């Protein structure tokens, strides 16, 4: 098992290795496997990429994010300009149904609302916004229309893990309340955790995935 110091050094190395991140502006602290990222980044995209880089490191149990986005002068844009660009980006995405997503922008922070039929459509909307200039954050409040089957969710998680040669689906419990899916149990890494979450999100009708999985 890695010590907190080893995890810290690995996260710092992963941030240095990630070309989309300026690691010099990010501090890393670790306490009992919980990693805190602090400091300043120059875009929401860089913040996102830093979070994903930290999650790739073995031994990381959870992340606390204390980074803020400080746009350089060349990247600053007014909210009207950002909103117009977001609308255009959503219209150009073949995975986002036309006029299904609504946009609100306040001080560079983008909130997306509306309804779509599938999780991949909601994910596509976020992807269309994440890397736009001037965006300081994104709130995904898009809802999914369809209903969800707990049996189908469990089966999809198990099938997804087995396809990728992981055998820990039996340690994951799935409970469904309305359109909310809760995952509990134990997984050996962030990779397996992400696989389980992605499988749950891929089920038709899932509005929210509550991740209570423990990484050991």
Protein backbone atom coordinates (compact mmCIF):
# COMPACT_ATOMS: atom_id res chain seq x y z
CA UNK A 1 0.00 0.00 0.00
CA UNK A 2 1.31 3.44 -0.90
CA UNK A 3 2.09 6.02 1.76
CA UNK A 4 0.63 9.52 1.52
CA UNK A 5 4.06 10.80 0.52
CA UNK A 6 4.30 8.28 -2.32
CA UNK A 7 0.81 9.22 -3.54
CA UNK A 8 1.74 12.90 -3.40
CA UNK A 9 4.88 12.33 -5.46
CA UNK A 10 2.96 10.21 -7.99
CA UNK A 11 0.23 12.84 -8.38
CA UNK A 12 2.84 15.57 -8.86
CA UNK A 13 4.57 13.40 -11.48
CA UNK A 14 1.27 12.71 -13.27
CA UNK A 15 0.47 16.42 -13.36
CA UNK A 16 3.91 17.10 -14.78
CA UNK A 17 3.38 14.38 -17.39
CA UNK A 18 -0.04 15.73 -18.48
CA UNK A 19 0.70 18.20 -21.32
CA UNK A 20 -2.60 20.06 -20.89
CA UNK A 21 -1.72 21.06 -17.31
CA UNK A 22 0.74 23.62 -15.98
CA UNK A 23 1.77 21.69 -12.87
CA UNK A 24 3.79 24.62 -11.49
CA UNK A 25 0.57 26.37 -10.48
CA UNK A 26 -0.93 23.41 -8.60
CA UNK A 27 -0.17 22.26 -5.07
CA UNK A 28 -0.83 18.73 -3.87
CA UNK A 29 -1.54 17.56 -0.33
CA UNK A 30 -2.48 14.02 0.72
CA UNK A 31 -4.09 12.82 3.95
CA UNK A 32 -5.03 9.15 4.31
CA UNK A 33 -5.26 8.76 0.52
CA UNK A 34 -7.46 11.85 0.07
CA UNK A 35 -5.78 14.23 -2.36
CA UNK A 36 -6.30 17.99 -2.24
CA UNK A 37 -5.46 20.00 -5.36
CA UNK A 38 -4.99 23.72 -4.72
CA UNK A 39 -3.74 26.70 -6.67
CA UNK A 40 -4.64 28.52 -9.85
CA UNK A 41 -5.22 27.38 -13.43
CA UNK A 42 -5.85 29.43 -16.57
CA UNK A 43 -8.94 27.63 -17.87
CA UNK A 44 -11.75 25.32 -16.84
CA UNK A 45 -10.35 22.75 -19.27
CA UNK A 46 -7.01 22.76 -17.45
CA UNK A 47 -8.80 22.32 -14.11
CA UNK A 48 -10.71 19.36 -15.51
CA UNK A 49 -7.57 17.76 -16.96
CA UNK A 50 -5.73 18.19 -13.64
CA UNK A 51 -8.55 16.44 -11.79
CA UNK A 52 -8.52 13.54 -14.25
CA UNK A 53 -4.72 13.26 -14.02
CA UNK A 54 -4.90 12.94 -10.23
CA UNK A 55 -7.63 10.30 -10.47
CA UNK A 56 -5.41 8.14 -12.67
CA UNK A 57 -2.90 7.65 -9.85
CA UNK A 58 -3.13 4.40 -7.91
CA UNK A 59 -3.90 4.77 -4.22
CA UNK A 60 -6.00 7.94 -4.56
CA UNK A 61 -9.19 7.38 -2.57
CA UNK A 62 -10.86 10.75 -3.12
CA UNK A 63 -10.22 14.26 -4.41
CA UNK A 64 -10.80 17.65 -2.79
CA UNK A 65 -10.64 20.52 -5.29
CA UNK A 66 -9.50 23.93 -4.10
CA UNK A 67 -8.24 25.20 -7.46
CA UNK A 68 -9.68 28.34 -8.98
CA UNK A 69 -9.73 29.47 -12.60
CA UNK A 70 -7.93 32.75 -13.33
CA UNK A 71 -8.31 33.57 -16.99
CA UNK A 72 -5.42 35.41 -18.64
CA UNK A 73 -6.33 38.65 -20.40
CA UNK A 74 -6.29 37.03 -23.82
CA UNK A 75 -8.93 34.46 -22.74
CA UNK A 76 -11.42 36.79 -21.06
CA UNK A 77 -14.75 37.19 -22.84
CA UNK A 78 -18.08 38.72 -21.82
CA UNK A 79 -21.01 36.50 -20.91
CA UNK A 80 -23.00 37.35 -24.04
CA UNK A 81 -20.13 36.24 -26.25
CA UNK A 82 -19.66 33.03 -24.26
CA UNK A 83 -23.40 32.23 -24.36
CA UNK A 84 -23.50 32.75 -28.11
CA UNK A 85 -20.49 30.49 -28.62
CA UNK A 86 -21.94 27.79 -26.34
CA UNK A 87 -25.21 27.84 -28.28
CA UNK A 88 -23.34 27.49 -31.57
CA UNK A 89 -21.19 24.66 -30.21
CA UNK A 90 -24.28 22.75 -29.04
CA UNK A 91 -25.97 23.25 -32.41
CA UNK A 92 -22.91 21.85 -34.19
CA UNK A 93 -22.74 18.72 -32.00
CA UNK A 94 -24.39 15.77 -33.75
CA UNK A 95 -24.99 14.04 -30.38
CA UNK A 96 -27.01 16.86 -28.80
CA UNK A 97 -30.67 16.97 -29.92
CA UNK A 98 -31.56 20.35 -31.43
CA UNK A 99 -33.03 22.87 -28.95
CA UNK A 100 -32.97 20.32 -26.10
CA UNK A 101 -30.39 22.17 -23.96
CA UNK A 102 -30.70 25.68 -22.51
CA UNK A 103 -27.76 27.88 -21.58
CA UNK A 104 -27.16 30.34 -18.74
CA UNK A 105 -23.83 32.15 -18.32
CA UNK A 106 -22.82 34.23 -15.31
CA UNK A 107 -19.26 35.55 -14.97
CA UNK A 108 -18.01 32.83 -17.30
CA UNK A 109 -19.76 30.03 -15.38
CA UNK A 110 -22.02 28.03 -17.71
CA UNK A 111 -25.17 26.27 -16.49
CA UNK A 112 -26.83 23.78 -18.85
CA UNK A 113 -30.47 22.75 -18.34
CA UNK A 114 -33.07 20.89 -20.39
CA UNK A 115 -33.95 17.27 -21.16
CA UNK A 116 -32.40 14.59 -23.37
CA UNK A 117 -33.12 10.89 -23.82
CA UNK A 118 -29.68 9.43 -23.12
CA UNK A 119 -26.69 10.08 -20.88
CA UNK A 120 -24.29 10.18 -23.85
CA UNK A 121 -26.26 13.18 -25.15
CA UNK A 122 -25.82 14.99 -21.85
CA UNK A 123 -22.12 14.14 -21.83
CA UNK A 124 -21.80 15.46 -25.39
CA UNK A 125 -23.30 18.77 -24.30
CA UNK A 126 -20.72 19.12 -21.53
CA UNK A 127 -17.90 18.21 -23.90
CA UNK A 128 -19.09 20.85 -26.35
CA UNK A 129 -18.64 23.51 -23.65
CA UNK A 130 -15.68 22.34 -21.55
CA UNK A 131 -12.88 23.53 -23.83
CA UNK A 132 -14.35 26.87 -24.95
CA UNK A 133 -12.36 30.02 -24.30
CA UNK A 134 -13.59 32.16 -21.41
CA UNK A 135 -15.47 29.38 -19.58
CA UNK A 136 -14.60 29.28 -15.86
CA UNK A 137 -16.88 26.38 -14.86
CA UNK A 138 -19.76 24.18 -16.00
CA UNK A 139 -22.84 23.00 -14.10
CA UNK A 140 -24.64 20.08 -15.73
CA UNK A 141 -28.34 20.19 -14.82
CA UNK A 142 -29.62 18.41 -17.93
CA UNK A 143 -32.23 15.76 -17.11
CA UNK A 144 -32.81 12.32 -18.66
CA UNK A 145 -36.36 11.54 -19.81
CA UNK A 146 -36.60 7.74 -19.69
CA UNK A 147 -37.20 5.31 -16.83
CA UNK A 148 -34.55 3.05 -15.34
CA UNK A 149 -34.46 -0.65 -14.48
CA UNK A 150 -32.27 -1.70 -11.50
CA UNK A 151 -31.81 -5.19 -13.00
CA UNK A 152 -30.60 -3.67 -16.26
CA UNK A 153 -28.17 -1.35 -14.47
CA UNK A 154 -26.62 -4.21 -12.48
CA UNK A 155 -26.33 -6.33 -15.62
CA UNK A 156 -24.66 -3.52 -17.56
CA UNK A 157 -22.10 -2.91 -14.82
CA UNK A 158 -21.22 -6.59 -14.64
CA UNK A 159 -20.99 -6.91 -18.42
CA UNK A 160 -18.83 -3.78 -18.71
CA UNK A 161 -16.34 -4.98 -16.10
CA UNK A 162 -16.17 -8.48 -17.58
CA UNK A 163 -15.55 -7.15 -21.09
CA UNK A 164 -12.53 -5.31 -19.75
CA UNK A 165 -11.23 -8.30 -17.78
CA UNK A 166 -12.30 -7.06 -14.35
CA UNK A 167 -14.02 -9.52 -12.04
CA UNK A 168 -15.18 -7.27 -9.21
CA UNK A 169 -18.77 -6.61 -10.30
CA UNK A 170 -20.00 -8.98 -7.61
CA UNK A 171 -18.64 -6.57 -4.99
CA UNK A 172 -20.73 -3.69 -6.37
CA UNK A 173 -24.30 -3.28 -5.12
CA UNK A 174 -26.81 -1.26 -7.14
CA UNK A 175 -29.92 0.35 -5.68
CA UNK A 176 -32.41 2.46 -7.59
CA UNK A 177 -34.78 5.10 -6.25
CA UNK A 178 -36.79 6.63 -9.06
CA UNK A 179 -34.17 7.63 -11.61
CA UNK A 180 -31.32 7.85 -9.07
CA UNK A 181 -28.82 4.98 -8.96
CA UNK A 182 -26.63 4.40 -5.90
CA UNK A 183 -23.46 2.32 -6.18
CA UNK A 184 -21.96 0.83 -3.02
CA UNK A 185 -19.23 -1.70 -2.39
CA UNK A 186 -15.47 -2.06 -2.81
CA UNK A 187 -13.31 -1.69 -5.93
CA UNK A 188 -9.50 -2.01 -6.20
CA UNK A 189 -8.81 1.15 -8.24
CA UNK A 190 -10.17 4.37 -9.74
CA UNK A 191 -10.28 2.57 -13.10
CA UNK A 192 -12.82 0.03 -11.86
CA UNK A 193 -14.71 2.83 -10.10
CA UNK A 194 -14.95 4.79 -13.35
CA UNK A 195 -16.05 1.68 -15.25
CA UNK A 196 -18.88 1.08 -12.78
CA UNK A 197 -19.96 4.73 -12.87
CA UNK A 198 -19.88 4.82 -16.67
CA UNK A 199 -21.89 1.63 -16.91
CA UNK A 200 -24.52 3.05 -14.57
CA UNK A 201 -24.68 6.31 -16.53
CA UNK A 202 -25.10 4.34 -19.77
CA UNK A 203 -28.36 2.77 -18.61
CA UNK A 204 -31.44 4.35 -20.15
CA UNK A 205 -33.27 6.76 -17.84
CA UNK A 206 -30.58 7.33 -15.22
CA UNK A 207 -30.76 10.93 -13.94
CA UNK A 208 -28.17 10.73 -11.20
CA UNK A 209 -25.44 8.32 -10.08
CA UNK A 210 -24.54 8.45 -6.39
CA UNK A 211 -21.06 7.00 -6.05
CA UNK A 212 -20.49 5.45 -2.62
CA UNK A 213 -17.87 2.99 -3.84
CA UNK A 214 -14.73 2.61 -1.75
CA UNK A 215 -11.34 2.30 -3.43
CA UNK A 216 -9.11 -0.14 -1.51
